[in-house]
Protein backbone atom coordinates (compact mmCIF):
# COMPACT_ATOMS: atom_id res chain seq x y z
CA MET A 1 0.00 0.00 0.00
CA LYS A 2 1.09 3.58 -0.61
CA LEU A 3 2.42 5.23 2.49
CA ILE A 4 0.34 8.13 3.73
CA ASN A 5 2.10 11.38 4.43
CA ALA A 6 1.20 14.18 6.78
CA ILE A 7 -0.79 17.02 5.26
CA ARG A 8 -1.30 20.58 6.39
CA MET A 9 -4.68 21.06 8.01
CA GLY A 10 -5.80 23.89 10.24
CA GLY A 11 -2.31 25.39 10.32
CA SER A 12 -0.52 22.19 11.40
CA GLU A 13 1.02 19.06 9.93
CA VAL A 14 -1.14 16.05 10.83
CA LEU A 15 -1.76 12.53 9.65
CA PRO A 16 -4.65 12.63 7.14
CA LEU A 17 -6.74 10.54 9.54
CA VAL A 18 -9.77 12.18 11.13
CA GLU A 19 -12.07 10.88 13.84
CA GLY A 20 -15.69 11.40 12.86
CA GLY A 21 -17.88 13.17 15.39
CA LYS A 22 -20.72 11.14 16.88
CA GLY A 23 -23.27 12.58 19.31
CA VAL A 24 -24.93 12.23 21.78
CA ALA A 25 -22.11 11.47 24.28
CA ILE A 26 -20.28 9.02 21.97
CA SER A 27 -17.36 11.03 20.58
CA THR A 28 -15.90 12.23 23.85
CA GLY A 29 -12.85 14.04 25.11
CA PRO A 30 -10.91 10.80 25.78
CA THR A 31 -11.45 9.34 22.29
CA CYS A 32 -10.69 12.72 20.72
CA GLY A 33 -7.59 13.30 22.84
CA HIS A 34 -6.11 9.89 22.17
CA TRP A 35 -6.75 10.21 18.41
CA ALA A 36 -4.99 13.58 18.39
CA ALA A 37 -2.15 12.17 20.51
CA ALA A 38 -1.63 9.55 17.78
CA GLY A 39 -0.98 12.38 15.33
CA GLY A 40 -4.35 12.69 13.65
CA VAL A 41 -7.39 14.94 14.04
CA GLY A 42 -9.53 14.01 17.02
CA THR A 43 -13.15 15.08 17.26
CA PHE A 44 -15.46 15.35 20.23
CA SER A 45 -19.16 15.88 19.88
CA ALA A 46 -20.56 19.16 21.19
CA VAL A 47 -24.09 17.80 20.71
CA ASN A 48 -25.42 17.57 24.26
CA ALA A 49 -22.03 16.47 25.54
CA ASP A 50 -21.72 14.93 28.99
CA GLY A 51 -20.74 17.20 31.87
CA PHE A 52 -19.28 16.30 35.26
CA ASP A 53 -19.62 17.49 38.84
CA GLN A 54 -16.76 18.60 41.10
CA ASP A 55 -15.95 14.98 41.91
CA GLY A 56 -15.74 14.03 38.25
CA LYS A 57 -19.02 12.12 38.28
CA LEU A 58 -21.30 12.19 35.27
CA ILE A 59 -24.20 14.64 35.44
CA ARG A 60 -27.27 13.02 33.90
CA GLN A 61 -29.32 15.51 31.93
CA VAL A 62 -32.55 15.69 33.91
CA TYR A 63 -35.04 18.42 33.04
CA HIS A 64 -37.14 20.31 35.58
CA GLY A 65 -38.73 23.08 33.48
CA LYS A 66 -42.50 23.02 33.15
CA THR A 67 -42.53 24.24 29.55
CA ARG A 68 -40.61 23.13 26.48
CA ARG A 69 -39.02 26.57 26.31
CA GLU A 70 -37.75 26.26 29.89
CA ARG A 71 -36.42 22.78 29.25
CA HIS A 72 -34.73 24.00 26.07
CA GLU A 73 -32.80 26.56 28.11
CA GLU A 74 -31.70 23.77 30.45
CA LEU A 75 -30.57 21.72 27.46
CA VAL A 76 -28.46 24.59 26.10
CA GLU A 77 -26.83 25.06 29.50
CA TYR A 78 -26.07 21.34 29.80
CA ALA A 79 -24.60 21.32 26.27
CA ILE A 80 -22.28 24.28 26.84
CA LYS A 81 -20.92 22.99 30.13
CA GLY A 82 -20.54 19.48 28.72
CA GLY A 83 -18.76 20.70 25.61
CA ILE A 84 -16.26 22.69 27.66
CA ALA A 85 -15.60 19.67 29.89
CA GLN A 86 -14.98 17.38 26.89
CA ALA A 87 -12.66 19.93 25.24
CA GLN A 88 -10.57 20.13 28.41
CA ARG A 89 -10.29 16.35 28.63
CA ALA A 90 -9.28 16.08 24.98
CA TYR A 91 -6.67 18.81 25.35
CA ASP A 92 -5.13 17.27 28.45
CA ILE A 93 -4.87 13.82 26.84
CA SER A 94 -3.54 15.02 23.47
CA GLY A 95 -0.41 16.54 25.00
CA GLY A 96 -0.38 19.20 22.31
CA LYS A 97 -0.23 16.72 19.43
CA GLY A 98 -2.56 16.50 16.46
CA ARG A 99 -5.65 18.66 16.23
CA ILE A 100 -8.79 18.86 18.37
CA HIS A 101 -12.10 19.53 16.63
CA ALA A 102 -15.59 20.06 18.03
CA ASN A 103 -18.48 18.66 16.01
CA ILE A 104 -21.86 20.39 15.99
CA LEU A 105 -25.11 19.68 14.13
CA TRP A 106 -26.59 22.79 12.54
CA GLU A 107 -30.10 21.43 13.03
CA MET A 108 -29.51 20.96 16.76
CA GLY A 109 -31.65 23.17 18.95
CA GLY A 110 -29.68 26.27 19.95
CA ALA A 111 -26.69 25.18 17.81
CA GLU A 112 -25.16 28.65 17.47
CA ARG A 113 -25.53 29.44 21.16
CA VAL A 114 -24.04 26.10 22.13
CA ILE A 115 -20.95 26.19 19.92
CA GLN A 116 -20.24 29.82 20.77
CA GLY A 117 -20.62 29.06 24.46
CA VAL A 118 -18.24 26.10 24.17
CA LEU A 119 -15.64 28.08 22.19
CA GLU A 120 -15.86 30.95 24.67
CA GLY A 121 -15.41 28.65 27.67
CA ALA A 122 -12.67 26.53 26.08
CA LYS A 123 -10.48 29.20 24.53
CA GLY A 124 -7.22 27.84 23.20
CA LEU A 125 -8.30 24.22 23.55
CA ILE A 126 -10.18 23.73 20.26
CA ASN A 127 -8.50 24.00 16.86
CA GLY A 128 -11.50 23.60 14.58
CA ILE A 129 -15.25 23.12 14.31
CA THR A 130 -16.96 20.68 11.97
CA CYS A 131 -20.61 21.12 11.16
CA GLY A 132 -23.23 19.39 9.05
CA ALA A 133 -26.90 18.36 9.10
CA GLY A 134 -28.20 21.37 7.24
CA MET A 135 -26.66 24.37 5.50
CA PRO A 136 -24.47 26.09 8.15
CA TYR A 137 -24.00 29.49 6.52
CA ARG A 138 -23.06 31.10 9.84
CA LEU A 139 -20.26 28.62 10.52
CA SER A 140 -17.58 30.85 8.99
CA ASP A 141 -18.69 33.87 11.02
CA ILE A 142 -18.49 31.87 14.25
CA ALA A 143 -15.02 30.59 13.29
CA ALA A 144 -13.84 34.14 12.58
CA LYS A 145 -15.17 35.39 15.90
CA PHE A 146 -13.09 32.86 17.83
CA GLY A 147 -10.13 32.49 15.48
CA VAL A 148 -10.55 28.76 14.77
CA HIS A 149 -10.69 26.86 11.51
CA TYR A 150 -13.98 25.53 10.19
CA TYR A 151 -14.87 22.35 8.32
CA PRO A 152 -18.31 22.24 6.69
CA ILE A 153 -19.79 18.81 5.99
CA VAL A 154 -21.36 18.54 2.54
CA SER A 155 -22.60 15.73 0.30
CA SER A 156 -22.31 17.48 -3.06
CA SER A 157 -20.34 20.17 -4.85
CA ARG A 158 -23.60 22.06 -5.28
CA ALA A 159 -24.01 22.40 -1.52
CA PHE A 160 -20.48 23.74 -1.09
CA ASN A 161 -20.97 26.16 -3.97
CA ALA A 162 -24.00 27.65 -2.20
CA LEU A 163 -22.16 27.91 1.12
CA TRP A 164 -19.10 29.50 -0.45
CA ARG A 165 -20.92 32.12 -2.48
CA ARG A 166 -23.22 33.14 0.34
CA ALA A 167 -20.79 33.19 3.25
CA TYR A 168 -17.51 31.27 3.22
CA SER A 169 -15.77 33.37 0.57
CA LYS A 170 -15.67 36.18 3.12
CA VAL A 171 -13.72 34.04 5.62
CA SER A 172 -11.67 31.93 3.23
CA GLY A 173 -8.48 32.00 5.31
CA LEU A 174 -10.00 29.92 8.11
CA LEU A 175 -11.51 27.22 5.90
CA GLY A 176 -9.43 24.30 7.16
CA GLY A 177 -11.01 21.66 4.94
CA VAL A 178 -14.24 20.42 3.43
CA VAL A 179 -15.74 17.15 4.62
CA TYR A 180 -17.40 15.17 1.84
CA GLU A 181 -19.82 12.81 3.61
CA ASP A 182 -21.10 9.98 1.44
CA PRO A 183 -24.91 10.17 1.77
CA TRP A 184 -25.34 6.43 1.24
CA LEU A 185 -22.57 5.01 3.42
CA ALA A 186 -21.99 7.39 6.33
CA GLY A 187 -23.54 6.73 9.72
CA GLY A 188 -26.05 8.94 11.49
CA HIS A 189 -27.93 11.60 9.55
CA ASN A 190 -27.19 11.68 5.84
CA GLY A 191 -27.38 14.42 3.22
CA LEU A 192 -29.47 12.70 0.56
CA SER A 193 -31.27 15.24 -1.60
CA ASN A 194 -34.71 14.80 -3.14
CA SER A 195 -33.08 14.07 -6.50
CA GLU A 196 -31.02 11.15 -5.15
CA ASP A 197 -32.30 7.61 -4.77
CA PRO A 198 -31.57 6.02 -1.38
CA GLU A 199 -31.71 2.59 -3.03
CA HIS A 200 -29.10 3.37 -5.70
CA PRO A 201 -25.82 4.62 -4.22
CA GLU A 202 -23.41 6.54 -6.41
CA SER A 203 -19.64 6.15 -6.43
CA PRO A 204 -17.97 8.82 -4.31
CA LEU A 205 -15.04 9.42 -6.70
CA PRO A 206 -16.92 11.40 -9.41
CA ARG A 207 -18.71 13.40 -6.72
CA VAL A 208 -15.48 14.28 -4.91
CA LEU A 209 -13.77 15.13 -8.20
CA ALA A 210 -16.67 17.51 -8.89
CA LEU A 211 -16.18 19.03 -5.44
CA ARG A 212 -12.45 19.55 -6.06
CA LYS A 213 -13.15 21.12 -9.44
CA GLN A 214 -15.57 23.53 -7.77
CA MET A 215 -13.07 24.33 -5.02
CA ARG A 216 -10.32 25.01 -7.56
CA GLU A 217 -12.56 27.55 -9.26
CA PHE A 218 -12.57 29.36 -5.92
CA GLY A 219 -8.78 29.13 -5.51
CA LEU A 220 -8.95 26.32 -2.93
CA ASP A 221 -6.47 23.99 -4.61
CA ASP A 222 -4.58 23.21 -1.39
CA THR A 223 -7.56 23.01 0.97
CA PRO A 224 -7.98 19.37 2.03
CA ILE A 225 -11.08 17.36 1.23
CA ILE A 226 -11.91 14.89 3.99
CA MET A 227 -13.57 11.72 2.67
CA ALA A 228 -16.16 10.47 5.17
CA GLY A 229 -18.41 7.43 4.93
CA GLY A 230 -17.45 3.96 3.73
CA VAL A 231 -13.76 4.22 4.66
CA TRP A 232 -12.39 1.08 6.33
CA TRP A 233 -8.99 -0.02 4.96
CA LEU A 234 -6.83 2.63 3.28
CA GLU A 235 -5.54 0.07 0.79
CA GLU A 236 -9.04 0.24 -0.75
CA TRP A 237 -8.43 3.95 -1.40
CA GLU A 238 -4.93 3.80 -2.92
CA ASP A 239 -6.12 5.51 -6.08
CA TRP A 240 -7.11 8.49 -3.95
CA ILE A 241 -3.78 8.88 -2.16
CA ASP A 242 -1.41 11.38 -3.87
CA ASN A 243 -3.90 11.70 -6.74
CA PRO A 244 -3.21 15.08 -8.42
CA ASP A 245 -6.78 15.29 -9.69
CA LEU A 246 -8.13 15.06 -6.15
CA GLY A 247 -5.49 17.20 -4.46
CA PRO A 248 -4.88 16.87 -0.71
CA ILE A 249 -7.15 14.19 0.76
CA ALA A 250 -7.75 13.04 4.32
CA PHE A 251 -9.93 10.15 5.48
CA GLN A 252 -12.52 10.26 8.22
CA PHE A 253 -13.45 7.29 10.41
CA GLY A 254 -16.72 7.48 12.30
CA THR A 255 -17.75 3.87 12.90
CA ARG A 256 -14.40 2.24 13.66
CA PRO A 257 -13.58 4.38 16.75
CA LEU A 258 -16.74 2.99 18.38
CA LEU A 259 -14.90 -0.27 18.94
CA THR A 260 -11.92 0.93 20.98
CA GLN A 261 -11.01 0.62 24.63
CA GLU A 262 -11.44 4.38 25.11
CA SER A 263 -14.86 4.41 23.46
CA PRO A 264 -17.54 5.21 26.08
CA ILE A 265 -20.20 2.91 24.62
CA SER A 266 -21.31 -0.09 26.68
CA ASP A 267 -19.79 -3.56 26.43
CA ALA A 268 -23.15 -4.79 25.10
CA TRP A 269 -22.98 -2.25 22.27
CA LYS A 270 -19.40 -3.23 21.46
CA GLN A 271 -20.29 -6.91 21.36
CA LYS A 272 -23.26 -6.13 19.13
CA LEU A 273 -20.91 -4.45 16.64
CA LEU A 274 -18.83 -7.63 16.47
CA THR A 275 -21.87 -9.65 15.33
CA LEU A 276 -23.35 -7.39 12.63
CA LYS A 277 -23.87 -8.85 9.18
CA GLU A 278 -24.09 -7.18 5.79
CA GLY A 279 -27.60 -5.80 5.42
CA ASP A 280 -28.07 -5.18 9.16
CA ILE A 281 -27.54 -1.44 8.64
CA PHE A 282 -29.97 0.53 6.50
CA LEU A 283 -31.13 3.99 5.52
CA ASN A 284 -34.45 5.08 6.98
CA LYS A 285 -36.49 8.26 7.22
CA PHE A 286 -37.98 7.92 10.69
CA SER A 287 -35.78 10.64 12.21
CA PRO A 288 -37.61 13.67 13.66
CA THR A 289 -35.16 15.87 11.73
CA GLY A 290 -36.71 14.81 8.42
CA PHE A 291 -33.29 13.65 7.15
CA TYR A 292 -32.46 10.12 6.11
CA SER A 293 -30.30 8.35 8.67
CA SER A 294 -28.23 5.19 8.79
CA ALA A 295 -28.86 2.84 11.71
CA VAL A 296 -28.74 -0.79 12.80
CA ASN A 297 -31.90 -2.77 12.15
CA ASN A 298 -33.08 -3.80 15.63
CA ASP A 299 -36.29 -3.97 17.69
CA PHE A 300 -36.38 -0.17 17.91
CA MET A 301 -36.34 0.13 14.12
CA ASN A 302 -38.83 -2.71 13.72
CA ASP A 303 -41.26 -0.88 16.00
CA LEU A 304 -40.98 2.28 13.91
CA ARG A 305 -41.42 0.29 10.73
CA GLY A 306 -44.50 -1.36 12.21
CA ARG A 307 -46.05 1.99 13.10
CA SER A 308 -45.78 3.13 9.48
CA ASP A 309 -46.96 -0.21 8.09
CA ARG A 310 -50.08 -0.19 10.29
CA GLN A 311 -51.37 2.96 8.64
CA VAL A 312 -54.54 3.92 6.78
CA ALA A 313 -55.83 7.14 5.27
CA PHE A 314 -58.97 8.75 6.70
CA THR A 315 -61.31 11.64 5.93
CA SER A 316 -63.34 13.78 8.30
CA GLU A 317 -66.37 13.52 6.01
CA PRO A 318 -67.64 10.80 3.66
CA ILE A 319 -65.67 11.23 0.43
CA GLY A 320 -65.40 8.73 -2.41
CA ALA A 321 -64.69 5.26 -1.03
CA HIS A 322 -64.14 6.66 2.48
CA ILE A 323 -67.66 5.99 3.74
CA VAL A 324 -67.18 3.57 6.66
CA GLU A 325 -67.42 5.17 10.10
CA TYR A 326 -64.66 4.59 12.63
CA GLY A 327 -64.34 6.10 16.13
CA VAL A 328 -60.96 7.56 17.16
CA GLY A 329 -59.78 8.37 20.68
CA PRO A 330 -61.54 8.21 24.06
CA ARG A 331 -64.53 10.13 22.70
CA LYS A 332 -64.67 7.98 19.57
CA ARG A 333 -64.75 10.94 17.21
CA ILE A 334 -66.00 9.70 13.87
CA VAL A 335 -63.72 9.58 10.84
CA TYR A 336 -64.25 7.70 7.59
CA LEU A 337 -62.23 4.81 6.21
CA THR A 338 -62.56 2.62 3.14
CA ALA A 339 -64.13 -0.81 3.72
CA PRO A 340 -60.89 -2.71 2.93
CA ASP A 341 -58.93 -0.47 5.33
CA LEU A 342 -61.46 -1.09 8.09
CA GLY A 343 -60.84 -4.81 7.63
CA ARG A 344 -57.10 -4.24 8.07
CA VAL A 345 -57.77 -2.14 11.16
CA ARG A 346 -59.86 -4.90 12.75
CA ASN A 347 -57.03 -7.37 12.19
CA TRP A 348 -54.54 -5.02 13.87
CA GLU A 349 -56.91 -4.53 16.79
CA ARG A 350 -57.14 -8.29 17.28
CA GLU A 351 -53.33 -8.33 17.46
CA GLY A 352 -53.38 -5.73 20.27
CA PHE A 353 -52.78 -2.57 18.23
CA THR A 354 -55.95 -0.90 19.43
CA GLU A 355 -54.86 2.74 19.74
CA ALA A 356 -55.30 4.97 16.68
CA MET A 357 -53.05 8.03 16.45
CA ARG A 358 -53.39 10.80 13.87
CA THR A 359 -50.46 11.85 11.68
CA PRO A 360 -49.96 15.21 9.91
CA ASP A 361 -50.59 13.48 6.58
CA GLY A 362 -54.25 12.61 7.14
CA THR A 363 -53.58 9.05 8.20
CA LEU A 364 -54.02 6.92 11.32
CA ILE A 365 -51.38 4.61 12.72
CA PHE A 366 -52.23 1.78 15.09
CA VAL A 367 -50.14 0.95 18.16
CA THR A 368 -50.58 -0.79 21.50
CA PRO A 369 -52.00 1.24 24.40
CA GLN A 370 -48.60 1.08 26.10
CA SER A 371 -46.82 2.42 23.03
CA ALA A 372 -49.42 5.18 22.58
CA GLU A 373 -48.91 6.34 26.16
CA GLU A 374 -45.13 6.33 25.75
CA ILE A 375 -45.39 8.37 22.55
CA ARG A 376 -47.63 10.96 24.23
CA VAL A 377 -45.39 11.24 27.28
CA ASP A 378 -42.29 11.67 25.12
CA GLN A 379 -44.02 14.40 23.09
CA VAL A 380 -45.07 16.23 26.25
CA ASN A 381 -41.55 15.98 27.71
CA CYS A 382 -39.90 17.55 24.63
CA MET A 383 -36.87 19.67 25.56
CA GLY A 384 -36.29 21.20 22.12
CA CYS A 385 -33.13 19.31 21.18
CA LEU A 386 -33.63 20.07 17.47
CA SER A 387 -34.13 23.36 15.66
CA HIS A 388 -37.29 21.79 14.18
CA CYS A 389 -38.83 18.53 15.36
CA ARG A 390 -41.60 16.71 13.53
CA PHE A 391 -42.17 14.34 16.46
CA SER A 392 -43.21 17.08 18.90
CA ASN A 393 -43.77 20.08 16.52
CA TRP A 394 -41.08 22.06 18.42
CA SER A 395 -39.13 24.87 16.73
CA ASP A 396 -36.52 27.05 18.43
CA ILE A 397 -37.74 30.12 16.53
CA ALA A 398 -39.61 32.72 18.59
CA PRO A 399 -42.25 33.74 19.38
CA ASP A 400 -44.33 30.56 19.01
CA TYR A 401 -41.56 27.92 19.22
CA THR A 402 -43.54 25.60 16.97
CA ASN A 403 -43.00 24.43 13.41
CA GLY A 404 -46.69 24.99 12.70
CA LYS A 405 -47.40 21.33 11.99
CA LYS A 406 -49.07 18.55 13.92
CA SER A 407 -46.72 16.23 15.77
CA ASP A 408 -45.96 12.97 13.97
CA PRO A 409 -46.25 9.75 16.03
CA ARG A 410 -44.43 7.79 13.31
CA SER A 411 -41.21 9.40 14.52
CA PHE A 412 -39.60 9.34 17.98
CA CYS A 413 -37.81 11.39 20.66
CA ILE A 414 -34.24 11.25 19.39
CA GLN A 415 -32.74 12.88 22.49
CA LYS A 416 -34.27 10.28 24.79
CA THR A 417 -33.12 7.23 22.86
CA LEU A 418 -29.60 8.54 22.21
CA GLN A 419 -29.16 9.41 25.87
CA ASP A 420 -30.45 5.98 26.87
CA ILE A 421 -28.20 3.95 24.58
CA ALA A 422 -25.21 6.04 25.64
CA HIS A 423 -25.80 5.73 29.37
CA ASP A 424 -27.79 2.56 30.13
CA ARG A 425 -24.62 0.55 30.60
CA ASP A 426 -26.24 -1.98 32.91
CA ASP A 427 -28.96 -2.91 30.42
CA PRO A 428 -27.60 -5.61 28.09
CA ASP A 429 -30.57 -5.11 25.76
CA ALA A 430 -30.14 -1.33 25.41
CA PRO A 431 -28.56 -1.62 21.92
CA ASN A 432 -31.63 -3.55 20.78
CA HIS A 433 -34.41 -1.24 21.95
CA ASN A 434 -32.76 2.11 21.21
CA LEU A 435 -31.58 3.95 18.12
CA MET A 436 -28.17 2.55 17.19
CA PHE A 437 -26.48 4.67 14.54
CA SER A 438 -23.81 3.07 12.37
CA GLY A 439 -22.05 3.58 9.08
CA HIS A 440 -22.87 0.96 6.46
CA ASN A 441 -19.48 -0.70 6.88
CA GLY A 442 -20.27 -1.59 10.48
CA TYR A 443 -20.78 -5.22 9.49
CA ARG A 444 -17.06 -5.44 8.69
CA PHE A 445 -16.11 -5.68 12.37
CA ALA A 446 -17.19 -9.32 12.18
CA THR A 447 -15.01 -10.11 9.16
CA ASP A 448 -11.91 -7.95 9.72
CA PRO A 449 -9.14 -10.17 11.14
CA PHE A 450 -7.95 -7.22 13.23
CA TYR A 451 -10.87 -7.93 15.57
CA SER A 452 -10.36 -11.71 15.71
CA ASN A 453 -11.30 -13.40 18.97
CA GLY A 454 -13.14 -10.27 20.10
CA PHE A 455 -10.02 -8.09 20.14
CA ILE A 456 -10.80 -4.45 20.99
CA PRO A 457 -7.88 -2.09 20.28
CA THR A 458 -6.88 1.14 21.92
CA VAL A 459 -7.29 4.28 19.84
CA LYS A 460 -3.51 4.34 19.33
CA GLN A 461 -3.53 0.76 18.05
CA LEU A 462 -6.42 1.54 15.70
CA VAL A 463 -4.70 4.60 14.21
CA GLU A 464 -1.50 2.62 13.72
CA ARG A 465 -3.47 -0.19 12.06
CA ILE A 466 -5.24 2.22 9.71
CA ALA A 467 -1.99 3.97 8.78
CA THR A 468 -0.45 0.66 7.63
CA GLY A 469 -3.33 -0.11 5.27
CA ARG A 470 -4.99 -2.96 7.12
C-alpha cells in the first residue's frame, strides 16, 4: 500500500486521519484526545455532551422546566458545560499533538448558542469546528469570531458552492477543509437530496472530483477534502492517495472508533458491533429531523417500521370510497375509512394494536395502548433538542416555538433514545431497543481479522493499524 504522508490542516502538519464526530455522548474528550495524541485529528461531539460534577461524576441531563421553552434553556446550559468539559479532557490527553475539533449539528436546537458558548469557555483548547446536518452558513462567522478553523460537511459540490458564495468566501483563510460525507454510506444523519435515490448509491469518486473542481474555481487547490463514509482499509483507497486530480485528501473514520477501549459505549454495544452482518444497517427516514439516517436494524427500528406499516388514510367527512365510520380516541370521534382499510384495522386490533393516532398526513397509525402512552409522554416531555422537530412540533424560533405542523407519532424522541443507549450501561438489551447509529461498513467488524477473537484495540492501536493499510 502507498504510504500516507502528513498534510497541512488547520495550520498544522497532521496525519490525514480524522475521527468522525458522533453525538450524543459518543465522541468524547478521551477518544478525541487519544486520536490527536496519535498524530491525527480528534473530534469530540458538542451535541449535548456529557458534563461532570466537582468529583468528576457524570451529570445526567434531567429536566425540571415546566414548559418546552424552559427545558430547552436547560438543554443549552447542559450542552455548553458538557462541551467545555470534553474539550478540556481532549486537550489534556492530546499533549499538544494532532488537532482537536468540536463537532456540531446545525439542526440541533440552539446550535449557534451552544458552539459559541463552548468556544468561549474553552479558549485555546479547540483548533477547529466541523458542522453538518443542514446548511451552516453562519459557521464561517463563528469561526472568525473565535479564530478557529472551520470544516463544513457537505454531500455534493452544489451544496459547497451555495455555502461559499453566500458566506464562506468572506472568511476563506479559516476554511481548514471540506468534509465530503457519502450520503449512502456514512452513519447517522445523511445528506441525501430529493433528486437522489436512497436505493441506488453513487460512487464517491466522481462526486469528490466535482467538489475539487468547484473548489479550484474558488482558488482552494490546497484546501484538504476529507472523505467520510465507507472508509475502512486505506488500501481500498490507494487511487485516492497522492492523486493530483483530487489534491490533498484526508480520510474520516466514524464507525471504527466505536470499537476501541477508550470508546464510552457499553460492552453490550461493542459486542453487538462484532456480530453485525451485511444488510443489518440501512437507511431510513424515521428521524424527527426529516433527514435520512443510517442505523442498525433492531427492535427499535422494527417498532418504527411497524407503526408506518399499520397505517390507513382517513377523511373527516364521507368522500369517495371513504364511507365507513370509525371512532378515534376516548370520545370515539368519527372519521371515515374505506371498507378494505377497516378490515385491516380490525385485524390489527385483534393483534393488540388498538390505539389509533393521527399523523400530519391525514392518516391513522395503530399501536398498542402502552406504546401510545409512551409516545404521548415523550411528546409532552420535549426539551427542544432540534431546531425543528416533527415528532413534537417544536421549533426554536420565537415567538411561538412551533414548526406549525401537527406532531408525527411515526417518529420518535431522538434525544431520549440517544441518551439511553449512551448511558444505560447496565442494560444488556439497550442496543436492541434504542436507536443505534452506524455507518454501512459496520458489518465489517465481524469479518476484519484485526478484531479476531473479540479483540478491541486502543485508539492508538487503531490509528497505527489504519496507517499501515490494514
